[in-house]
N, C-alpha and C. Protein backbone atom coordinates (compact mmCIF):
# COMPACT_ATOMS: atom_id res chain seq x y z
N MET A 1 12.74 14.39 -4.37
CA MET A 1 11.18 14.40 -4.54
C MET A 1 10.63 15.42 -3.74
N ASP A 2 9.54 16.35 -4.14
CA ASP A 2 9.06 17.28 -3.39
C ASP A 2 7.35 16.73 -3.46
N ARG A 3 7.30 15.71 -4.27
CA ARG A 3 5.60 15.61 -4.59
C ARG A 3 5.36 13.85 -3.99
N TYR A 4 4.45 13.62 -3.90
CA TYR A 4 3.99 12.27 -3.92
C TYR A 4 2.47 12.23 -4.75
N ASP A 5 2.46 11.34 -5.67
CA ASP A 5 1.26 11.12 -6.25
C ASP A 5 1.09 9.79 -6.54
N PRO A 6 -0.01 8.85 -5.49
CA PRO A 6 -0.48 7.39 -5.58
C PRO A 6 -0.59 6.77 -7.31
N ASN A 7 -0.75 7.79 -8.54
CA ASN A 7 -0.99 7.16 -9.50
C ASN A 7 0.06 7.13 -10.30
N ARG A 8 1.09 7.75 -9.67
CA ARG A 8 2.80 7.45 -10.52
C ARG A 8 3.62 7.17 -9.35
N ALA A 9 4.54 5.91 -9.85
CA ALA A 9 5.38 5.34 -9.31
C ALA A 9 6.42 6.31 -9.04
N PRO A 10 6.69 6.26 -7.43
CA PRO A 10 8.46 6.88 -7.49
C PRO A 10 9.34 6.55 -7.81
N ASP A 11 10.17 7.29 -8.36
CA ASP A 11 11.48 6.59 -8.58
C ASP A 11 11.88 5.62 -7.75
N PRO A 12 12.08 4.09 -7.31
CA PRO A 12 12.71 3.92 -6.51
C PRO A 12 14.00 4.25 -5.74
N ARG A 13 15.05 4.11 -6.24
CA ARG A 13 15.98 5.11 -6.13
C ARG A 13 15.72 5.92 -5.13
N GLU A 14 15.37 7.18 -5.23
CA GLU A 14 14.90 8.58 -4.75
C GLU A 14 13.99 8.45 -3.71
N TRP A 15 13.03 7.56 -3.84
CA TRP A 15 12.19 7.38 -2.51
C TRP A 15 12.87 6.37 -1.47
N ASN A 16 13.73 6.12 -1.73
CA ASN A 16 14.91 4.99 -0.60
C ASN A 16 15.66 5.59 -0.43
N SER A 17 15.92 7.16 -0.87
CA SER A 17 16.91 7.78 -0.22
C SER A 17 16.64 8.63 0.69
N MET A 18 14.80 8.98 0.90
CA MET A 18 14.44 10.04 1.89
C MET A 18 14.36 9.12 2.75
N ASP A 19 14.34 10.28 3.90
CA ASP A 19 13.88 9.53 5.31
C ASP A 19 12.73 9.17 5.34
N GLU A 20 11.89 8.35 6.12
CA GLU A 20 10.45 7.41 6.30
C GLU A 20 9.92 9.16 7.00
N SER A 21 10.06 9.97 7.54
CA SER A 21 9.51 10.89 8.09
C SER A 21 8.54 11.79 6.72
N GLU A 22 9.87 11.75 6.01
CA GLU A 22 10.05 12.32 4.61
C GLU A 22 8.64 12.01 4.01
N ARG A 23 8.65 10.47 4.08
CA ARG A 23 7.59 9.93 2.85
C ARG A 23 6.42 10.21 3.45
N ILE A 24 6.30 10.17 4.42
CA ILE A 24 5.04 10.11 5.43
C ILE A 24 4.54 11.21 5.35
N LEU A 25 5.11 12.58 4.91
CA LEU A 25 4.57 13.87 5.12
C LEU A 25 4.27 14.11 3.30
N LEU A 26 4.73 13.41 2.41
CA LEU A 26 4.38 13.95 1.19
C LEU A 26 3.30 13.08 0.98
N VAL A 27 2.97 12.15 1.91
CA VAL A 27 1.66 11.53 1.35
C VAL A 27 1.05 12.45 2.01
N LYS A 28 0.92 12.65 3.43
CA LYS A 28 -0.32 13.22 3.58
C LYS A 28 -0.34 14.45 3.18
N GLN A 29 0.66 15.01 2.56
CA GLN A 29 0.62 16.54 1.40
C GLN A 29 -0.22 16.50 0.22
N TYR A 30 -0.23 15.06 0.12
CA TYR A 30 -0.95 14.43 -1.21
C TYR A 30 -2.22 14.54 -1.08
N HIS A 31 -2.61 13.70 0.37
CA HIS A 31 -4.30 13.61 0.76
C HIS A 31 -5.12 14.99 0.75
N LYS A 32 -4.01 15.67 1.42
CA LYS A 32 -4.55 16.67 1.65
C LYS A 32 -5.05 17.99 0.79
N ARG A 33 -3.94 18.05 -0.65
CA ARG A 33 -4.06 18.64 -1.62
C ARG A 33 -5.48 18.23 -2.10
N GLU A 34 -5.90 16.89 -2.37
CA GLU A 34 -6.85 16.29 -2.95
C GLU A 34 -8.02 16.36 -2.18
N ARG A 35 -8.01 17.08 -1.12
CA ARG A 35 -9.20 17.28 0.26
C ARG A 35 -9.83 16.07 0.22
N MET A 36 -9.04 14.87 0.53
CA MET A 36 -9.67 13.65 1.08
C MET A 36 -9.78 13.59 2.18
N LYS A 37 -10.88 13.17 2.81
CA LYS A 37 -11.36 13.09 4.61
C LYS A 37 -10.70 11.65 4.82
N LEU A 38 -10.11 11.43 5.81
CA LEU A 38 -9.71 10.01 6.64
C LEU A 38 -9.83 10.19 7.46
N PRO A 39 -9.88 8.70 8.71
CA PRO A 39 -10.61 9.30 9.65
C PRO A 39 -8.91 8.82 10.73
N ASN A 40 -8.12 8.65 9.59
CA ASN A 40 -6.26 8.87 10.30
C ASN A 40 -5.67 9.05 9.16
N ALA A 41 -5.53 10.54 8.89
CA ALA A 41 -4.75 10.90 8.10
C ALA A 41 -3.27 10.02 8.46
N ALA A 42 -2.64 10.23 9.20
CA ALA A 42 -1.30 9.66 9.87
C ALA A 42 -1.04 8.15 9.70
N VAL A 43 -2.41 7.78 9.88
CA VAL A 43 -2.13 5.98 9.83
C VAL A 43 -2.27 5.67 8.60
N HIS A 44 -2.77 6.40 7.72
CA HIS A 44 -3.60 6.05 6.58
C HIS A 44 -2.47 6.36 5.50
N ALA A 45 -1.36 7.66 5.81
CA ALA A 45 -0.09 7.71 5.33
C ALA A 45 0.90 6.31 5.62
N VAL A 46 1.02 6.12 6.76
CA VAL A 46 2.25 5.09 6.88
C VAL A 46 1.97 3.82 6.16
N PHE A 47 0.15 3.67 6.06
CA PHE A 47 0.27 2.42 5.44
C PHE A 47 0.69 2.77 3.87
N HIS A 48 0.47 3.30 3.10
CA HIS A 48 1.15 4.02 1.75
C HIS A 48 2.56 3.83 1.69
N VAL A 49 3.15 4.55 2.54
CA VAL A 49 4.67 4.34 2.75
C VAL A 49 4.81 3.02 2.87
N ILE A 50 4.48 2.29 3.56
CA ILE A 50 4.64 0.95 3.56
C ILE A 50 4.88 0.01 2.56
N VAL A 51 3.52 0.30 1.80
CA VAL A 51 3.29 -0.77 0.59
C VAL A 51 4.41 -0.12 -0.66
N GLU A 52 4.84 1.52 -0.87
CA GLU A 52 5.60 2.03 -1.62
C GLU A 52 7.08 1.76 -1.52
N ASN A 53 7.14 1.38 0.31
CA ASN A 53 8.68 0.68 -0.01
C ASN A 53 8.55 -0.89 -0.13
N GLN A 54 7.85 -1.20 -0.41
CA GLN A 54 7.67 -2.73 -0.36
C GLN A 54 7.81 -2.93 -1.71
N ILE A 55 6.91 -1.71 -2.56
CA ILE A 55 7.18 -1.82 -4.17
C ILE A 55 8.44 -1.62 -4.65
N ALA A 56 9.14 -0.97 -3.65
CA ALA A 56 10.65 -0.30 -4.21
C ALA A 56 11.47 -1.32 -3.84
N MET A 57 11.27 -2.41 -3.37
CA MET A 57 11.87 -3.83 -3.07
C MET A 57 12.30 -4.87 -3.98
N GLY A 58 11.19 -4.19 -4.91
CA GLY A 58 10.92 -5.11 -6.29
C GLY A 58 9.99 -6.53 -5.70
N ASP A 59 10.52 -7.21 -6.10
CA ASP A 59 9.22 -8.38 -6.08
C ASP A 59 9.95 -9.46 -4.87
N GLU A 60 10.71 -8.51 -4.44
CA GLU A 60 11.11 -9.61 -2.80
C GLU A 60 10.45 -10.10 -2.19
N MET A 61 8.76 -9.16 -1.91
CA MET A 61 7.32 -9.46 -1.11
C MET A 61 5.99 -9.91 -2.07
N ASN A 62 6.29 -10.05 -3.49
CA ASN A 62 5.17 -10.18 -4.54
C ASN A 62 4.44 -9.28 -4.66
N VAL A 63 5.06 -7.46 -3.72
CA VAL A 63 4.18 -6.80 -3.66
C VAL A 63 4.23 -6.16 -5.61
N SER A 64 5.34 -6.17 -5.85
CA SER A 64 5.22 -5.26 -7.15
C SER A 64 4.53 -5.64 -7.99
N LYS A 65 4.72 -7.22 -8.46
CA LYS A 65 3.81 -8.05 -8.99
C LYS A 65 2.21 -7.63 -8.90
N THR A 66 2.23 -8.06 -7.90
CA THR A 66 0.65 -7.72 -7.37
C THR A 66 0.27 -6.54 -7.61
N LEU A 67 0.80 -5.46 -7.39
CA LEU A 67 0.38 -4.30 -8.09
C LEU A 67 0.10 -4.04 -9.29
N ASP A 68 1.31 -4.54 -10.16
CA ASP A 68 1.18 -4.54 -11.86
C ASP A 68 0.07 -5.06 -12.35
N ARG A 69 -0.45 -6.37 -11.60
CA ARG A 69 -1.44 -7.40 -12.01
C ARG A 69 -2.92 -6.37 -11.46
N LEU A 70 -2.90 -5.83 -10.50
CA LEU A 70 -4.27 -5.11 -9.77
C LEU A 70 -4.85 -3.89 -11.09
N ILE A 71 -3.68 -3.12 -11.15
CA ILE A 71 -3.78 -2.52 -12.09
C ILE A 71 -3.97 -2.75 -13.75
N GLY A 72 -3.95 -4.13 -14.17
CA GLY A 72 -3.62 -4.55 -15.66
C GLY A 72 -5.19 -4.97 -15.57
N ASP A 73 -5.65 -5.08 -14.30
CA ASP A 73 -7.13 -5.60 -14.17
C ASP A 73 -8.04 -4.49 -13.55
N GLY A 74 -7.51 -3.07 -13.81
CA GLY A 74 -8.87 -2.54 -14.04
C GLY A 74 -8.39 -1.38 -13.05
N LEU A 75 -7.91 -1.82 -11.63
CA LEU A 75 -7.71 -0.94 -10.78
C LEU A 75 -6.53 0.26 -11.24
N ASP A 76 -7.05 1.50 -10.80
CA ASP A 76 -5.91 2.38 -10.87
C ASP A 76 -4.91 2.28 -10.14
N ARG A 77 -3.82 2.94 -10.11
CA ARG A 77 -2.09 2.62 -8.83
C ARG A 77 -2.84 2.87 -7.62
N HIS A 78 -3.29 4.07 -7.24
CA HIS A 78 -4.10 4.08 -5.78
C HIS A 78 -4.64 3.84 -5.34
N ASP A 79 -5.95 2.93 -6.18
CA ASP A 79 -6.91 2.40 -5.55
C ASP A 79 -5.87 0.75 -5.20
N ALA A 80 -4.96 0.67 -5.89
CA ALA A 80 -4.31 -0.66 -6.18
C ALA A 80 -3.31 -0.81 -4.87
N VAL A 81 -2.44 0.54 -4.52
CA VAL A 81 -2.23 0.70 -3.00
C VAL A 81 -2.87 0.59 -1.85
N HIS A 82 -4.14 0.77 -2.17
CA HIS A 82 -5.15 0.38 -0.99
C HIS A 82 -5.41 -0.96 -1.08
N ALA A 83 -4.93 -1.60 -2.05
CA ALA A 83 -5.92 -3.10 -2.05
C ALA A 83 -4.82 -3.53 -0.85
N ILE A 84 -3.77 -3.40 -1.67
CA ILE A 84 -2.81 -3.94 -1.33
C ILE A 84 -1.98 -3.64 0.41
N GLY A 85 -2.66 -2.34 1.04
CA GLY A 85 -2.51 -2.01 2.31
C GLY A 85 -3.88 -2.42 3.12
N ALA A 86 -4.81 -2.97 2.22
CA ALA A 86 -5.68 -3.38 3.09
C ALA A 86 -5.25 -5.30 3.64
N VAL A 87 -4.61 -5.93 2.67
CA VAL A 87 -3.63 -7.02 3.06
C VAL A 87 -3.06 -6.94 4.27
N LEU A 88 -1.85 -6.00 3.69
CA LEU A 88 -1.20 -5.20 4.92
C LEU A 88 -1.65 -5.19 6.52
N ALA A 89 -2.59 -3.93 6.20
CA ALA A 89 -3.75 -4.13 7.53
C ALA A 89 -3.86 -5.41 8.58
N GLY A 90 -4.38 -6.62 7.62
CA GLY A 90 -4.99 -7.02 8.10
C GLY A 90 -3.41 -8.36 8.33
N HIS A 91 -2.33 -8.32 8.43
CA HIS A 91 -1.59 -9.04 9.02
C HIS A 91 -0.99 -8.14 10.06
N MET A 92 -1.30 -7.04 10.20
CA MET A 92 -1.12 -6.22 10.84
C MET A 92 -1.57 -6.61 12.55
N HIS A 93 -3.19 -6.18 11.96
CA HIS A 93 -3.92 -6.87 12.81
C HIS A 93 -4.03 -8.18 13.92
N ASP A 94 -3.34 -9.28 12.85
CA ASP A 94 -3.02 -10.23 13.67
C ASP A 94 -2.02 -10.26 14.40
N ILE A 95 -0.99 -9.57 13.92
CA ILE A 95 0.41 -9.52 14.93
C ILE A 95 0.10 -8.32 16.04
N MET A 96 -0.82 -7.12 16.57
CA MET A 96 -1.18 -6.86 17.10
C MET A 96 -2.14 -7.52 18.33
N ALA A 97 -3.01 -8.23 17.56
CA ALA A 97 -4.17 -9.17 18.43
C ALA A 97 -3.52 -10.45 19.16
N GLU A 98 -2.65 -11.12 18.36
CA GLU A 98 -2.28 -12.27 19.11
C GLU A 98 -1.04 -12.04 19.44
N GLU A 99 -0.92 -12.31 20.75
CA GLU A 99 0.81 -12.16 21.10
C GLU A 99 1.68 -13.49 20.68
N ALA A 100 1.24 -14.39 19.88
CA ALA A 100 2.35 -15.85 19.80
C ALA A 100 2.08 -15.18 17.94
N TYR A 101 1.27 -14.69 17.62
CA TYR A 101 1.49 -14.38 15.78
C TYR A 101 2.79 -14.05 15.46
N GLU A 102 3.94 -14.46 14.37
CA GLU A 102 4.09 -13.64 13.72
C GLU A 102 4.42 -14.05 12.48
N PHE A 103 4.90 -12.47 11.74
CA PHE A 103 4.77 -12.14 10.58
C PHE A 103 5.43 -13.31 9.65
N SER A 104 4.47 -13.35 8.72
CA SER A 104 4.62 -15.08 8.08
C SER A 104 4.79 -14.19 6.33
N GLN A 105 6.45 -13.67 5.79
CA GLN A 105 6.48 -13.53 4.49
C GLN A 105 5.68 -14.51 3.47
N ASP A 106 5.96 -15.75 3.70
CA ASP A 106 5.38 -16.85 2.93
C ASP A 106 4.02 -16.41 2.77
N ALA A 107 2.96 -15.67 4.14
CA ALA A 107 2.03 -15.94 3.92
C ALA A 107 1.56 -14.98 3.26
N TYR A 108 1.90 -13.64 4.00
CA TYR A 108 2.25 -12.47 3.36
C TYR A 108 2.16 -12.70 1.46
N ALA A 109 2.97 -13.08 0.96
CA ALA A 109 3.18 -13.44 -0.20
C ALA A 109 2.09 -13.78 -1.31
N ALA A 110 1.77 -15.39 -0.21
CA ALA A 110 0.26 -15.99 -0.97
C ALA A 110 -0.95 -15.45 -0.75
N ASP A 111 -1.17 -14.30 0.27
CA ASP A 111 -2.08 -13.51 -0.12
C ASP A 111 -2.34 -12.34 -1.08
N MET A 112 -0.88 -11.72 -1.00
CA MET A 112 -0.79 -11.03 -2.21
C MET A 112 -1.08 -11.39 -3.63
N GLU A 113 -0.76 -13.19 -3.94
CA GLU A 113 -0.69 -13.81 -4.99
C GLU A 113 -2.62 -13.91 -4.95
N ALA A 114 -3.20 -13.84 -4.20
CA ALA A 114 -4.66 -14.28 -3.84
C ALA A 114 -5.66 -12.79 -3.98
N LEU A 115 -4.84 -11.72 -4.21
CA LEU A 115 -5.59 -10.54 -3.84
C LEU A 115 -6.17 -10.37 -5.25
N THR A 116 -7.63 -9.67 -5.57
CA THR A 116 -7.89 -9.87 -6.77
C THR A 116 -8.52 -8.46 -6.78
N VAL A 117 -8.89 -8.19 -7.94
CA VAL A 117 -10.07 -6.74 -8.10
C VAL A 117 -11.55 -7.22 -7.67
N GLU A 118 -11.82 -8.15 -7.67
CA GLU A 118 -13.12 -8.58 -7.70
C GLU A 118 -12.86 -8.88 -6.05
N LYS A 119 -12.06 -9.64 -4.99
CA LYS A 119 -11.69 -9.31 -3.53
C LYS A 119 -11.89 -8.50 -2.89
N TRP A 120 -11.21 -6.81 -3.45
CA TRP A 120 -11.08 -6.01 -3.28
C TRP A 120 -12.04 -5.08 -3.14
N ARG A 121 -13.22 -4.88 -4.43
CA ARG A 121 -14.45 -4.76 -4.49
C ARG A 121 -15.65 -5.35 -3.36
N GLU A 122 -15.35 -6.48 -3.32
CA GLU A 122 -16.03 -7.45 -2.38
C GLU A 122 -15.74 -7.00 -0.63
N LEU A 123 -14.86 -6.14 -0.79
CA LEU A 123 -14.36 -5.32 0.77
C LEU A 123 -15.80 -3.97 0.80
N GLY A 124 -16.30 -3.98 -0.12
CA GLY A 124 -16.93 -2.74 -0.12
C GLY A 124 -16.21 -1.21 -0.46
N GLN A 125 -14.84 -1.08 -1.31
CA GLN A 125 -14.20 -0.47 -1.80
C GLN A 125 -14.82 0.08 -3.19
N PRO A 126 -14.99 1.15 -3.11
CA PRO A 126 -15.53 1.80 -4.51
C PRO A 126 -14.77 1.48 -5.63
N GLU A 127 -15.45 1.83 -6.61
CA GLU A 127 -14.95 1.32 -8.25
C GLU A 127 -14.69 2.58 -8.40
N ASN A 128 -13.66 2.91 -9.35
CA ASN A 128 -13.58 4.10 -10.41
C ASN A 128 -13.87 4.16 -11.64
């Protein structure tokens, strides 16, 4: 794999065969090619990679199903990855903010199930 495009699902076998640093670099290169201004390109790329990793896992974490549902409800794949990344960021924030907080796969899966296009747009995300 020599290019990443968030609007096209990477082949899971090919994606998983790459090193994490290669995945992050491909995501950063995509955003640079598209001239997207990001507050922190490295962190943005890491969240893309985490979400793509979870999608490549199948429905182990309910992420792949959520992605398909969000796309079916009107988001393009890139925005759907961002919506899922926002939920992930909320869980990561809780982990970092609270010493006693432990990641709950069940809570994360429930948040994936509850995520809708409307909720994503309520957060002030742009429509395509």
